[in-house]
Amino acid sequence: MNVSHAAGRQGLLRPGGTIVEATSGNTGMGLAMVAAVRGYQCIFVMPDKMSQEKIASLRAFGARVVTCPTAVEPDDPRSYYSVSRRIVAETPDAFYANQYHNPDTNPDDHSV
């Protein structure tokens, strides 16, 4: 995934580091695969409405999954956005992929 390559080139994601992301599943799945292959840890924060199958798939790649209430505002400290940012602040060598606001993510990742 482009975001992990860009983060590595920029020195934001180091060998053995941790990828943290707020995700509803698809970007998280791609990042989980990259993390498994490249030796990163990963923590994904998801709304509690996500299917158990998605959560199990992420965990199968070694991810830690944290669920948060869906019915809260994005700036609420319990939202999956806020919890992701808090985990990054509390985790040494963590990189926040931030797919919703990172120019190195999805547009390039989905091009052919």
N, C-alpha and C. Protein backbone atom coordinates (compact mmCIF):
# COMPACT_ATOMS: atom_id res chain seq x y z
N MET A 1 0.84 -1.18 0.00
CA MET A 1 0.00 0.00 0.00
C MET A 1 0.88 1.24 0.00
N ASN A 2 0.45 2.18 -0.78
CA ASN A 2 1.20 3.42 -0.94
C ASN A 2 1.46 4.13 0.38
N VAL A 3 0.48 4.14 1.27
CA VAL A 3 0.65 4.86 2.54
C VAL A 3 1.80 4.29 3.36
N SER A 4 1.96 2.99 3.39
CA SER A 4 3.05 2.40 4.18
C SER A 4 4.40 2.66 3.52
N HIS A 5 4.45 2.61 2.19
CA HIS A 5 5.70 2.92 1.49
C HIS A 5 6.10 4.37 1.73
N ALA A 6 5.14 5.28 1.57
CA ALA A 6 5.42 6.71 1.78
C ALA A 6 5.87 6.97 3.21
N ALA A 7 5.20 6.35 4.17
CA ALA A 7 5.56 6.55 5.59
C ALA A 7 6.97 6.03 5.86
N GLY A 8 7.33 4.91 5.25
CA GLY A 8 8.68 4.38 5.42
C GLY A 8 9.72 5.31 4.83
N ARG A 9 9.47 5.81 3.62
CA ARG A 9 10.41 6.74 2.97
C ARG A 9 10.58 8.02 3.77
N GLN A 10 9.50 8.47 4.41
CA GLN A 10 9.54 9.72 5.18
C GLN A 10 10.05 9.51 6.61
N GLY A 11 10.33 8.27 6.98
CA GLY A 11 10.82 7.98 8.32
C GLY A 11 9.74 7.98 9.39
N LEU A 12 8.47 7.97 8.96
CA LEU A 12 7.35 7.97 9.91
C LEU A 12 7.01 6.57 10.40
N LEU A 13 7.37 5.56 9.61
CA LEU A 13 7.11 4.17 9.97
C LEU A 13 8.44 3.44 9.90
N ARG A 14 8.90 3.00 11.05
CA ARG A 14 10.21 2.35 11.15
C ARG A 14 10.04 0.83 11.29
N PRO A 15 11.08 0.08 10.96
CA PRO A 15 11.01 -1.37 11.15
C PRO A 15 10.57 -1.71 12.58
N GLY A 16 9.61 -2.63 12.69
CA GLY A 16 9.09 -3.02 13.99
C GLY A 16 8.07 -2.06 14.57
N GLY A 17 7.77 -0.98 13.85
CA GLY A 17 6.82 0.01 14.33
C GLY A 17 5.38 -0.50 14.29
N THR A 18 4.49 0.36 14.71
CA THR A 18 3.07 0.01 14.79
C THR A 18 2.25 0.93 13.89
N ILE A 19 1.44 0.33 13.04
CA ILE A 19 0.49 1.07 12.21
C ILE A 19 -0.81 1.16 12.99
N VAL A 20 -1.34 2.36 13.13
CA VAL A 20 -2.63 2.56 13.80
C VAL A 20 -3.56 3.19 12.77
N GLU A 21 -4.79 2.71 12.70
CA GLU A 21 -5.74 3.26 11.75
C GLU A 21 -7.17 3.14 12.23
N ALA A 22 -7.94 4.18 11.94
CA ALA A 22 -9.39 4.14 12.11
C ALA A 22 -9.93 3.59 10.80
N THR A 23 -10.65 2.49 10.85
CA THR A 23 -11.07 1.85 9.60
C THR A 23 -12.41 1.14 9.78
N SER A 24 -13.11 1.02 8.66
CA SER A 24 -14.31 0.20 8.67
C SER A 24 -14.01 -1.15 8.04
N GLY A 25 -12.77 -1.37 7.66
CA GLY A 25 -12.37 -2.70 7.25
C GLY A 25 -11.46 -2.82 6.06
N ASN A 26 -11.77 -2.22 4.92
CA ASN A 26 -11.01 -2.50 3.71
C ASN A 26 -9.59 -1.95 3.75
N THR A 27 -9.42 -0.70 4.12
CA THR A 27 -8.07 -0.15 4.24
C THR A 27 -7.32 -0.88 5.34
N GLY A 28 -8.01 -1.17 6.42
CA GLY A 28 -7.40 -1.93 7.51
C GLY A 28 -6.91 -3.28 7.05
N MET A 29 -7.68 -3.95 6.21
CA MET A 29 -7.27 -5.27 5.71
C MET A 29 -6.00 -5.15 4.88
N GLY A 30 -5.93 -4.17 4.01
CA GLY A 30 -4.72 -3.97 3.23
C GLY A 30 -3.52 -3.67 4.10
N LEU A 31 -3.71 -2.80 5.09
CA LEU A 31 -2.62 -2.47 6.01
C LEU A 31 -2.22 -3.67 6.86
N ALA A 32 -3.18 -4.50 7.24
CA ALA A 32 -2.87 -5.70 8.03
C ALA A 32 -1.99 -6.66 7.23
N MET A 33 -2.28 -6.80 5.94
CA MET A 33 -1.47 -7.67 5.09
C MET A 33 -0.04 -7.12 4.96
N VAL A 34 0.06 -5.81 4.73
CA VAL A 34 1.38 -5.18 4.63
C VAL A 34 2.15 -5.37 5.94
N ALA A 35 1.48 -5.15 7.06
CA ALA A 35 2.12 -5.28 8.37
C ALA A 35 2.62 -6.71 8.59
N ALA A 36 1.81 -7.69 8.21
CA ALA A 36 2.21 -9.09 8.39
C ALA A 36 3.45 -9.43 7.57
N VAL A 37 3.50 -8.92 6.35
CA VAL A 37 4.63 -9.22 5.47
C VAL A 37 5.89 -8.47 5.89
N ARG A 38 5.73 -7.24 6.33
CA ARG A 38 6.89 -6.38 6.63
C ARG A 38 7.29 -6.34 8.10
N GLY A 39 6.58 -7.05 8.94
CA GLY A 39 6.98 -7.14 10.34
C GLY A 39 6.55 -5.98 11.22
N TYR A 40 5.50 -5.26 10.82
CA TYR A 40 4.96 -4.20 11.65
C TYR A 40 3.88 -4.77 12.56
N GLN A 41 3.63 -4.09 13.66
CA GLN A 41 2.46 -4.36 14.49
C GLN A 41 1.33 -3.51 13.91
N CYS A 42 0.10 -3.85 14.21
CA CYS A 42 -0.98 -2.98 13.77
C CYS A 42 -2.12 -3.00 14.78
N ILE A 43 -2.71 -1.82 14.93
CA ILE A 43 -3.87 -1.64 15.80
C ILE A 43 -4.92 -0.92 14.97
N PHE A 44 -6.08 -1.53 14.85
CA PHE A 44 -7.17 -0.93 14.09
C PHE A 44 -8.32 -0.60 15.02
N VAL A 45 -8.84 0.60 14.85
CA VAL A 45 -9.95 1.07 15.66
C VAL A 45 -11.16 1.16 14.74
N MET A 46 -12.24 0.47 15.13
CA MET A 46 -13.41 0.33 14.26
C MET A 46 -14.69 0.68 15.00
N PRO A 47 -15.70 1.13 14.25
CA PRO A 47 -17.02 1.29 14.86
C PRO A 47 -17.55 -0.07 15.30
N ASP A 48 -18.33 -0.08 16.35
CA ASP A 48 -18.85 -1.35 16.87
C ASP A 48 -19.89 -2.02 15.99
N LYS A 49 -20.28 -1.39 14.90
CA LYS A 49 -21.25 -2.00 13.98
C LYS A 49 -20.60 -2.93 12.96
N MET A 50 -19.28 -3.02 12.96
CA MET A 50 -18.59 -3.86 11.98
C MET A 50 -18.83 -5.33 12.27
N SER A 51 -18.84 -6.12 11.22
CA SER A 51 -19.12 -7.55 11.38
C SER A 51 -18.00 -8.26 12.12
N GLN A 52 -18.37 -9.31 12.82
CA GLN A 52 -17.38 -10.12 13.52
C GLN A 52 -16.42 -10.78 12.53
N GLU A 53 -16.89 -11.04 11.31
CA GLU A 53 -16.03 -11.64 10.29
C GLU A 53 -14.90 -10.68 9.89
N LYS A 54 -15.23 -9.39 9.74
CA LYS A 54 -14.18 -8.42 9.42
C LYS A 54 -13.17 -8.33 10.56
N ILE A 55 -13.67 -8.28 11.76
CA ILE A 55 -12.79 -8.20 12.93
C ILE A 55 -11.90 -9.45 13.00
N ALA A 56 -12.49 -10.62 12.80
CA ALA A 56 -11.73 -11.87 12.84
C ALA A 56 -10.67 -11.91 11.73
N SER A 57 -11.01 -11.39 10.56
CA SER A 57 -10.04 -11.37 9.45
C SER A 57 -8.84 -10.50 9.79
N LEU A 58 -9.09 -9.33 10.38
CA LEU A 58 -7.98 -8.46 10.78
C LEU A 58 -7.12 -9.13 11.84
N ARG A 59 -7.76 -9.77 12.80
CA ARG A 59 -7.02 -10.46 13.86
C ARG A 59 -6.22 -11.63 13.31
N ALA A 60 -6.71 -12.27 12.26
CA ALA A 60 -5.99 -13.40 11.66
C ALA A 60 -4.64 -12.96 11.10
N PHE A 61 -4.52 -11.69 10.73
CA PHE A 61 -3.24 -11.15 10.27
C PHE A 61 -2.40 -10.60 11.41
N GLY A 62 -2.86 -10.79 12.64
CA GLY A 62 -2.10 -10.37 13.80
C GLY A 62 -2.46 -9.01 14.35
N ALA A 63 -3.51 -8.41 13.82
CA ALA A 63 -3.91 -7.07 14.27
C ALA A 63 -4.61 -7.11 15.62
N ARG A 64 -4.40 -6.06 16.37
CA ARG A 64 -5.22 -5.81 17.56
C ARG A 64 -6.37 -4.93 17.08
N VAL A 65 -7.59 -5.26 17.46
CA VAL A 65 -8.77 -4.51 17.04
C VAL A 65 -9.46 -3.93 18.26
N VAL A 66 -9.72 -2.63 18.21
CA VAL A 66 -10.42 -1.92 19.27
C VAL A 66 -11.73 -1.42 18.66
N THR A 67 -12.85 -1.71 19.31
CA THR A 67 -14.13 -1.21 18.80
C THR A 67 -14.62 -0.05 19.66
N CYS A 68 -15.31 0.86 18.99
CA CYS A 68 -15.81 2.08 19.64
C CYS A 68 -17.27 2.28 19.27
N PRO A 69 -18.01 3.03 20.07
CA PRO A 69 -19.41 3.26 19.75
C PRO A 69 -19.58 3.99 18.42
N THR A 70 -20.54 3.54 17.65
CA THR A 70 -20.82 4.15 16.35
C THR A 70 -21.57 5.47 16.49
N ALA A 71 -22.50 5.52 17.41
CA ALA A 71 -23.43 6.65 17.52
C ALA A 71 -22.88 7.81 18.35
N VAL A 72 -21.65 8.22 18.04
CA VAL A 72 -21.07 9.40 18.70
C VAL A 72 -20.49 10.31 17.61
N GLU A 73 -20.38 11.58 17.91
CA GLU A 73 -19.82 12.54 16.96
C GLU A 73 -18.33 12.25 16.74
N PRO A 74 -17.80 12.60 15.57
CA PRO A 74 -16.39 12.34 15.29
C PRO A 74 -15.42 12.95 16.30
N ASP A 75 -15.78 14.09 16.88
CA ASP A 75 -14.87 14.72 17.85
C ASP A 75 -15.09 14.25 19.28
N ASP A 76 -16.03 13.35 19.49
CA ASP A 76 -16.26 12.76 20.82
C ASP A 76 -15.04 11.92 21.19
N PRO A 77 -14.56 11.98 22.42
CA PRO A 77 -13.38 11.20 22.81
C PRO A 77 -13.56 9.69 22.65
N ARG A 78 -14.80 9.22 22.54
CA ARG A 78 -15.06 7.78 22.37
C ARG A 78 -15.12 7.37 20.90
N SER A 79 -15.11 8.32 19.97
CA SER A 79 -15.23 7.98 18.55
C SER A 79 -13.99 7.22 18.07
N TYR A 80 -14.16 6.48 17.01
CA TYR A 80 -13.01 5.71 16.54
C TYR A 80 -11.91 6.61 15.99
N TYR A 81 -12.23 7.81 15.57
CA TYR A 81 -11.20 8.77 15.17
C TYR A 81 -10.38 9.22 16.38
N SER A 82 -11.09 9.64 17.43
CA SER A 82 -10.42 10.13 18.64
C SER A 82 -9.60 9.04 19.32
N VAL A 83 -10.17 7.85 19.41
CA VAL A 83 -9.45 6.74 20.05
C VAL A 83 -8.19 6.40 19.25
N SER A 84 -8.26 6.44 17.93
CA SER A 84 -7.08 6.18 17.10
C SER A 84 -5.97 7.17 17.41
N ARG A 85 -6.32 8.44 17.45
CA ARG A 85 -5.31 9.47 17.74
C ARG A 85 -4.72 9.28 19.14
N ARG A 86 -5.55 8.90 20.10
CA ARG A 86 -5.04 8.67 21.46
C ARG A 86 -4.08 7.48 21.49
N ILE A 87 -4.42 6.40 20.79
CA ILE A 87 -3.55 5.23 20.75
C ILE A 87 -2.20 5.59 20.13
N VAL A 88 -2.21 6.39 19.07
CA VAL A 88 -0.95 6.81 18.45
C VAL A 88 -0.10 7.58 19.45
N ALA A 89 -0.73 8.49 20.18
CA ALA A 89 0.00 9.30 21.16
C ALA A 89 0.59 8.46 22.29
N GLU A 90 -0.06 7.34 22.61
CA GLU A 90 0.36 6.50 23.73
C GLU A 90 1.26 5.33 23.33
N THR A 91 1.45 5.11 22.03
CA THR A 91 2.18 3.94 21.55
C THR A 91 3.52 4.35 20.95
N PRO A 92 4.62 3.89 21.54
CA PRO A 92 5.94 4.22 20.97
C PRO A 92 6.06 3.70 19.53
N ASP A 93 6.72 4.46 18.68
CA ASP A 93 6.97 4.09 17.28
C ASP A 93 5.69 3.80 16.50
N ALA A 94 4.62 4.53 16.82
CA ALA A 94 3.35 4.34 16.12
C ALA A 94 3.23 5.33 14.97
N PHE A 95 2.61 4.86 13.90
CA PHE A 95 2.31 5.69 12.73
C PHE A 95 0.81 5.65 12.50
N TYR A 96 0.19 6.81 12.39
CA TYR A 96 -1.25 6.92 12.12
C TYR A 96 -1.44 7.05 10.62
N ALA A 97 -1.98 6.03 9.98
CA ALA A 97 -2.18 6.04 8.53
C ALA A 97 -3.14 7.15 8.10
N ASN A 98 -4.18 7.40 8.89
CA ASN A 98 -5.09 8.53 8.69
C ASN A 98 -5.65 8.59 7.27
N GLN A 99 -6.24 7.49 6.82
CA GLN A 99 -6.72 7.37 5.44
C GLN A 99 -7.66 8.48 5.00
N TYR A 100 -8.39 9.05 5.92
CA TYR A 100 -9.38 10.06 5.54
C TYR A 100 -8.76 11.43 5.26
N HIS A 101 -7.54 11.67 5.72
CA HIS A 101 -6.91 12.98 5.55
C HIS A 101 -5.47 12.90 5.07
N ASN A 102 -5.00 11.74 4.67
CA ASN A 102 -3.61 11.56 4.26
C ASN A 102 -3.54 11.53 2.73
N PRO A 103 -2.83 12.47 2.11
CA PRO A 103 -2.76 12.50 0.65
C PRO A 103 -2.03 11.30 0.04
N ASP A 104 -1.31 10.53 0.85
CA ASP A 104 -0.59 9.36 0.33
C ASP A 104 -1.42 8.09 0.37
N THR A 105 -2.72 8.20 0.66
CA THR A 105 -3.53 6.99 0.76
C THR A 105 -4.40 6.76 -0.45
N ASN A 106 -5.60 6.42 -0.23
CA ASN A 106 -6.52 5.81 -1.17
C ASN A 106 -6.50 6.25 -2.64
N PRO A 107 -6.43 7.51 -3.02
CA PRO A 107 -6.50 7.81 -4.45
C PRO A 107 -5.47 7.05 -5.28
N ASP A 108 -4.22 7.04 -4.84
CA ASP A 108 -3.19 6.33 -5.58
C ASP A 108 -3.30 4.82 -5.42
N ASP A 109 -3.77 4.37 -4.29
CA ASP A 109 -3.85 2.94 -4.03
C ASP A 109 -4.87 2.26 -4.93
N HIS A 110 -5.84 2.99 -5.41
CA HIS A 110 -6.91 2.39 -6.21
C HIS A 110 -6.73 2.62 -7.70
N SER A 111 -5.64 3.26 -8.10
CA SER A 111 -5.42 3.48 -9.53
C SER A 111 -4.81 2.23 -10.16
N VAL A 112 -5.00 2.11 -11.46
CA VAL A 112 -4.49 0.94 -12.18
C VAL A 112 -3.28 1.32 -12.98
